[in-house]
N, C-alpha and C. Protein backbone atom coordinates (compact mmCIF):
# COMPACT_ATOMS: atom_id res chain seq x y z
N UNK A 1 34.02 -10.15 -18.13
CA UNK A 1 35.21 -10.84 -18.85
C UNK A 1 36.47 -9.62 -18.23
N UNK A 2 37.46 -10.11 -17.82
CA UNK A 2 38.37 -9.37 -17.32
C UNK A 2 39.39 -8.67 -18.36
N UNK A 3 40.07 -7.63 -18.24
CA UNK A 3 40.61 -7.08 -19.25
C UNK A 3 41.69 -8.08 -19.65
N UNK A 4 42.42 -8.97 -18.84
CA UNK A 4 43.54 -9.91 -19.34
C UNK A 4 42.78 -10.95 -20.12
N UNK A 5 41.55 -11.34 -19.92
CA UNK A 5 41.11 -12.21 -20.80
C UNK A 5 40.51 -11.66 -21.94
N UNK A 6 40.01 -10.53 -22.06
CA UNK A 6 39.69 -9.79 -23.38
C UNK A 6 40.78 -9.59 -24.38
N UNK A 7 41.96 -9.10 -23.85
CA UNK A 7 43.45 -9.03 -24.43
C UNK A 7 43.77 -10.19 -25.15
N UNK A 8 43.74 -11.34 -24.27
CA UNK A 8 44.31 -12.45 -24.76
C UNK A 8 43.17 -12.91 -26.07
N UNK A 9 42.00 -12.96 -25.68
CA UNK A 9 41.08 -13.27 -26.99
C UNK A 9 41.26 -12.31 -28.30
N UNK A 10 41.87 -10.92 -28.02
CA UNK A 10 41.97 -10.25 -29.12
C UNK A 10 43.21 -10.79 -29.81
N UNK A 11 44.26 -10.95 -28.82
CA UNK A 11 45.77 -11.53 -29.66
C UNK A 11 45.43 -12.94 -30.38
N UNK A 12 44.48 -13.73 -29.71
CA UNK A 12 44.22 -15.17 -30.51
C UNK A 12 43.57 -14.73 -31.86
N UNK A 13 42.39 -13.80 -31.85
CA UNK A 13 41.70 -13.20 -33.15
C UNK A 13 42.76 -12.86 -34.06
N UNK A 14 43.59 -11.93 -33.91
CA UNK A 14 44.68 -11.48 -34.47
C UNK A 14 45.51 -12.61 -35.10
N UNK A 15 46.07 -13.55 -34.05
CA UNK A 15 46.73 -14.49 -34.71
C UNK A 15 46.49 -15.41 -35.59
N UNK A 16 45.13 -15.83 -35.52
CA UNK A 16 44.28 -16.51 -36.48
C UNK A 16 44.45 -15.89 -37.83
N UNK A 17 43.96 -14.69 -37.92
CA UNK A 17 44.05 -13.66 -39.13
C UNK A 17 45.56 -13.50 -39.66
N UNK A 18 46.35 -13.44 -38.90
CA UNK A 18 47.63 -13.61 -39.55
C UNK A 18 47.99 -15.15 -40.12
N UNK A 19 47.71 -16.03 -39.66
CA UNK A 19 47.88 -17.44 -40.10
C UNK A 19 47.22 -17.61 -41.27
N UNK A 20 46.18 -17.15 -41.38
CA UNK A 20 44.95 -17.00 -42.76
C UNK A 20 45.97 -16.32 -43.96
N UNK A 21 46.18 -15.11 -43.56
CA UNK A 21 46.97 -14.24 -44.18
C UNK A 21 48.30 -14.64 -44.83
N UNK A 22 49.00 -15.14 -44.07
CA UNK A 22 50.26 -15.67 -44.45
C UNK A 22 50.53 -17.00 -45.00
N UNK A 23 49.31 -17.71 -45.42
CA UNK A 23 49.12 -19.31 -45.46
C UNK A 23 50.10 -19.27 -46.95
N UNK A 24 51.07 -20.31 -47.03
CA UNK A 24 51.97 -20.51 -47.85
C UNK A 24 51.05 -20.59 -49.50
N UNK A 25 49.87 -21.51 -49.34
CA UNK A 25 49.18 -21.74 -50.50
C UNK A 25 48.79 -20.35 -51.25
N UNK A 26 48.58 -19.38 -50.58
CA UNK A 26 47.86 -18.17 -51.04
C UNK A 26 49.35 -17.37 -51.80
N UNK A 27 50.37 -17.57 -51.19
CA UNK A 27 51.55 -17.00 -51.83
C UNK A 27 52.03 -17.59 -52.96
N UNK A 28 52.03 -18.82 -52.83
CA UNK A 28 52.51 -19.70 -54.04
C UNK A 28 51.38 -19.57 -55.17
N UNK A 29 50.35 -19.78 -54.76
CA UNK A 29 49.03 -19.80 -55.88
C UNK A 29 49.32 -18.17 -56.54
N UNK A 30 49.46 -17.35 -55.86
CA UNK A 30 49.50 -15.82 -56.34
C UNK A 30 50.66 -15.79 -57.20
N UNK A 31 51.72 -16.09 -56.68
CA UNK A 31 52.82 -16.15 -57.63
C UNK A 31 52.72 -16.87 -58.84
N UNK A 32 52.06 -18.11 -58.92
CA UNK A 32 52.02 -18.73 -60.00
C UNK A 32 51.07 -18.27 -60.95
N UNK A 33 50.07 -17.38 -60.49
CA UNK A 33 49.14 -16.92 -61.27
C UNK A 33 49.43 -15.77 -62.07
N UNK A 34 50.54 -14.85 -61.42
CA UNK A 34 50.99 -13.74 -61.74
C UNK A 34 51.97 -14.02 -63.07
N UNK A 35 52.78 -15.23 -62.49
CA UNK A 35 53.87 -15.39 -63.85
C UNK A 35 52.97 -16.02 -64.91
N UNK A 36 51.89 -17.03 -64.57
CA UNK A 36 51.39 -17.83 -65.37
C UNK A 36 50.85 -16.61 -66.52
N UNK A 37 50.12 -15.66 -66.01
CA UNK A 37 49.72 -14.60 -67.05
C UNK A 37 50.62 -14.10 -67.77
N UNK A 38 51.91 -13.71 -67.16
CA UNK A 38 52.96 -13.20 -68.19
C UNK A 38 53.44 -13.93 -69.12
N UNK A 39 53.70 -15.29 -68.72
CA UNK A 39 54.31 -16.26 -69.67
C UNK A 39 53.12 -16.64 -70.64
N UNK A 40 51.92 -16.43 -70.22
CA UNK A 40 50.97 -16.67 -71.04
C UNK A 40 50.90 -15.87 -72.23
N UNK A 41 51.02 -14.51 -72.13
CA UNK A 41 50.94 -13.28 -72.94
C UNK A 41 52.22 -13.21 -74.13
N UNK A 42 53.17 -13.80 -73.25
CA UNK A 42 54.55 -13.99 -73.95
C UNK A 42 54.18 -15.22 -75.20
N UNK A 43 53.64 -16.14 -74.68
CA UNK A 43 53.35 -16.90 -75.74
C UNK A 43 52.30 -16.75 -76.69
N UNK A 44 51.21 -15.97 -76.36
CA UNK A 44 50.29 -15.36 -77.51
C UNK A 44 50.80 -14.64 -78.50
N UNK A 45 51.91 -13.77 -78.12
CA UNK A 45 52.55 -12.66 -78.54
C UNK A 45 53.81 -13.10 -79.32
N UNK A 46 54.00 -14.59 -79.23
CA UNK A 46 55.29 -15.31 -80.00
C UNK A 46 55.28 -15.01 -81.30
N UNK A 47 56.39 -14.57 -81.99
CA UNK A 47 56.78 -14.52 -83.30
C UNK A 47 57.13 -15.78 -84.16
N UNK A 48 57.03 -15.64 -85.25
CA UNK A 48 57.22 -16.83 -86.06
C UNK A 48 58.72 -17.21 -85.76
N UNK A 49 59.89 -16.63 -85.77
CA UNK A 49 61.20 -16.88 -85.31
C UNK A 49 61.29 -17.53 -83.93
N UNK A 50 60.51 -17.24 -82.93
CA UNK A 50 60.65 -17.90 -81.89
C UNK A 50 59.85 -19.15 -81.65
N UNK A 51 58.95 -19.31 -82.69
CA UNK A 51 58.26 -20.69 -82.86
C UNK A 51 59.12 -21.59 -83.55
N UNK A 52 60.06 -21.21 -84.58
CA UNK A 52 61.05 -21.98 -85.20
C UNK A 52 62.10 -22.60 -84.39
N UNK A 53 62.13 -21.51 -83.36
CA UNK A 53 63.57 -22.09 -82.52
C UNK A 53 63.12 -23.27 -81.50
N UNK A 54 61.75 -23.22 -81.32
CA UNK A 54 61.33 -24.33 -80.31
C UNK A 54 60.58 -25.46 -81.20
N UNK A 55 60.92 -25.53 -82.32
CA UNK A 55 60.41 -26.29 -83.38
C UNK A 55 59.02 -26.46 -83.56
N UNK A 56 58.48 -25.28 -83.56
CA UNK A 56 56.97 -24.98 -84.02
C UNK A 56 56.00 -25.46 -82.83
N UNK A 57 56.77 -25.45 -81.60
CA UNK A 57 55.75 -25.80 -80.05
C UNK A 57 55.91 -24.58 -79.46
N UNK A 58 54.59 -23.71 -79.06
CA UNK A 58 54.71 -22.70 -78.49
C UNK A 58 54.71 -22.87 -76.87
N UNK A 59 56.17 -23.10 -76.57
CA UNK A 59 56.40 -23.42 -75.09
C UNK A 59 56.08 -22.49 -74.21
N UNK A 60 55.74 -21.10 -74.51
CA UNK A 60 55.71 -20.25 -73.60
C UNK A 60 53.92 -20.13 -73.06
N UNK A 61 53.36 -20.71 -74.19
CA UNK A 61 51.95 -20.63 -74.36
C UNK A 61 51.61 -21.72 -73.33
N UNK A 62 52.14 -23.03 -73.43
CA UNK A 62 51.67 -24.09 -72.63
C UNK A 62 52.51 -24.35 -71.18
N UNK A 63 53.47 -23.38 -71.04
CA UNK A 63 53.97 -23.42 -69.94
C UNK A 63 53.23 -22.43 -68.90
N UNK A 64 52.90 -21.22 -69.82
CA UNK A 64 52.03 -20.21 -68.82
C UNK A 64 50.57 -21.09 -68.61
N UNK A 65 49.88 -21.51 -69.37
CA UNK A 65 48.81 -22.20 -68.92
C UNK A 65 48.90 -23.03 -67.94
N UNK A 66 49.96 -23.93 -67.80
CA UNK A 66 50.34 -24.84 -66.66
C UNK A 66 50.45 -24.27 -65.52
N UNK A 67 51.24 -23.02 -65.46
CA UNK A 67 51.27 -22.25 -64.20
C UNK A 67 50.08 -21.42 -63.87
N UNK A 68 49.22 -21.29 -64.69
CA UNK A 68 47.98 -20.48 -64.46
C UNK A 68 47.04 -21.76 -63.78
N UNK A 69 46.95 -22.91 -64.32
CA UNK A 69 46.51 -24.06 -63.66
C UNK A 69 46.81 -24.39 -62.26
N UNK A 70 48.31 -24.30 -61.97
CA UNK A 70 48.74 -24.70 -60.83
C UNK A 70 48.55 -23.65 -59.88
N UNK A 71 48.50 -22.46 -60.28
CA UNK A 71 48.01 -21.60 -59.32
C UNK A 71 46.77 -21.36 -58.77
N UNK A 72 46.03 -21.60 -59.87
CA UNK A 72 44.60 -21.51 -59.54
C UNK A 72 44.13 -22.86 -58.74
N UNK A 73 44.91 -23.98 -58.67
CA UNK A 73 44.61 -25.13 -57.99
C UNK A 73 44.97 -24.78 -56.52
N UNK A 74 46.21 -24.13 -56.12
CA UNK A 74 46.50 -23.62 -54.80
C UNK A 74 45.48 -22.47 -54.21
N UNK A 75 44.92 -21.62 -55.29
CA UNK A 75 43.88 -20.81 -54.44
C UNK A 75 42.43 -21.46 -54.25
N UNK A 76 42.34 -22.14 -55.17
CA UNK A 76 41.07 -23.10 -54.79
C UNK A 76 41.12 -24.07 -53.64
N UNK A 77 42.15 -24.72 -53.46
CA UNK A 77 42.46 -25.27 -52.36
C UNK A 77 42.50 -24.35 -51.17
N UNK A 78 43.07 -23.24 -51.29
CA UNK A 78 42.95 -22.56 -49.69
C UNK A 78 41.50 -21.88 -49.52
N UNK A 79 40.83 -21.84 -50.84
CA UNK A 79 39.30 -21.41 -50.58
C UNK A 79 38.42 -22.34 -49.95
N UNK A 80 38.74 -23.92 -50.44
CA UNK A 80 38.05 -25.05 -49.85
C UNK A 80 38.38 -25.47 -48.53
N UNK A 81 39.62 -25.15 -48.17
CA UNK A 81 40.25 -25.76 -47.02
C UNK A 81 40.97 -24.67 -46.47
N UNK A 82 40.19 -23.64 -45.68
CA UNK A 82 41.16 -22.40 -45.19
C UNK A 82 41.69 -22.94 -44.00
N UNK A 83 43.14 -22.14 -43.66
CA UNK A 83 43.85 -22.53 -42.54
C UNK A 83 42.89 -22.18 -41.39
N UNK A 84 42.87 -23.01 -40.46
CA UNK A 84 42.47 -22.78 -39.09
C UNK A 84 43.47 -22.98 -38.11
N UNK A 85 43.45 -21.94 -37.06
CA UNK A 85 44.21 -21.93 -36.20
C UNK A 85 44.05 -23.18 -34.90
N UNK A 86 45.23 -23.64 -34.66
CA UNK A 86 45.04 -24.63 -33.57
C UNK A 86 44.55 -24.20 -32.39
N UNK A 87 43.44 -25.14 -32.02
CA UNK A 87 42.76 -24.82 -30.59
C UNK A 87 43.68 -25.07 -29.42
N UNK A 88 43.67 -24.16 -28.54
CA UNK A 88 44.32 -24.20 -27.31
C UNK A 88 43.73 -25.36 -26.55
N UNK A 89 44.43 -25.91 -25.79
CA UNK A 89 44.07 -27.31 -24.93
C UNK A 89 44.07 -26.26 -23.58
N UNK A 90 43.03 -26.79 -22.68
CA UNK A 90 42.67 -25.95 -21.42
C UNK A 90 43.80 -26.44 -20.60
N UNK A 91 44.46 -25.41 -19.67
CA UNK A 91 45.60 -25.83 -18.98
C UNK A 91 44.74 -26.66 -17.76
N UNK A 92 45.48 -27.37 -16.97
CA UNK A 92 44.99 -27.85 -15.60
C UNK A 92 45.58 -27.30 -14.70
N UNK A 93 44.90 -26.68 -13.81
CA UNK A 93 45.25 -26.01 -12.51
C UNK A 93 45.36 -26.68 -11.14
């Protein structure tokens, strides 16, 4: 294998790794999980005055759990169907 072919295959491998690393599902899922944890903790530690304002519905707890579920959905989706770099079509010479 020539140096040029080796270099091209190395760049293709790096490109595929970058495509998996910056997959939007990873970013969205990670952010929703982090924010979901924060909001869930705020819901668990809500005071009686906070609950009275929301008519005794712990909105932070329910929203946080929903955010956690959505974030985990995105991360599981990423795990089950990882991003695959598009295959190069052979050029006609």
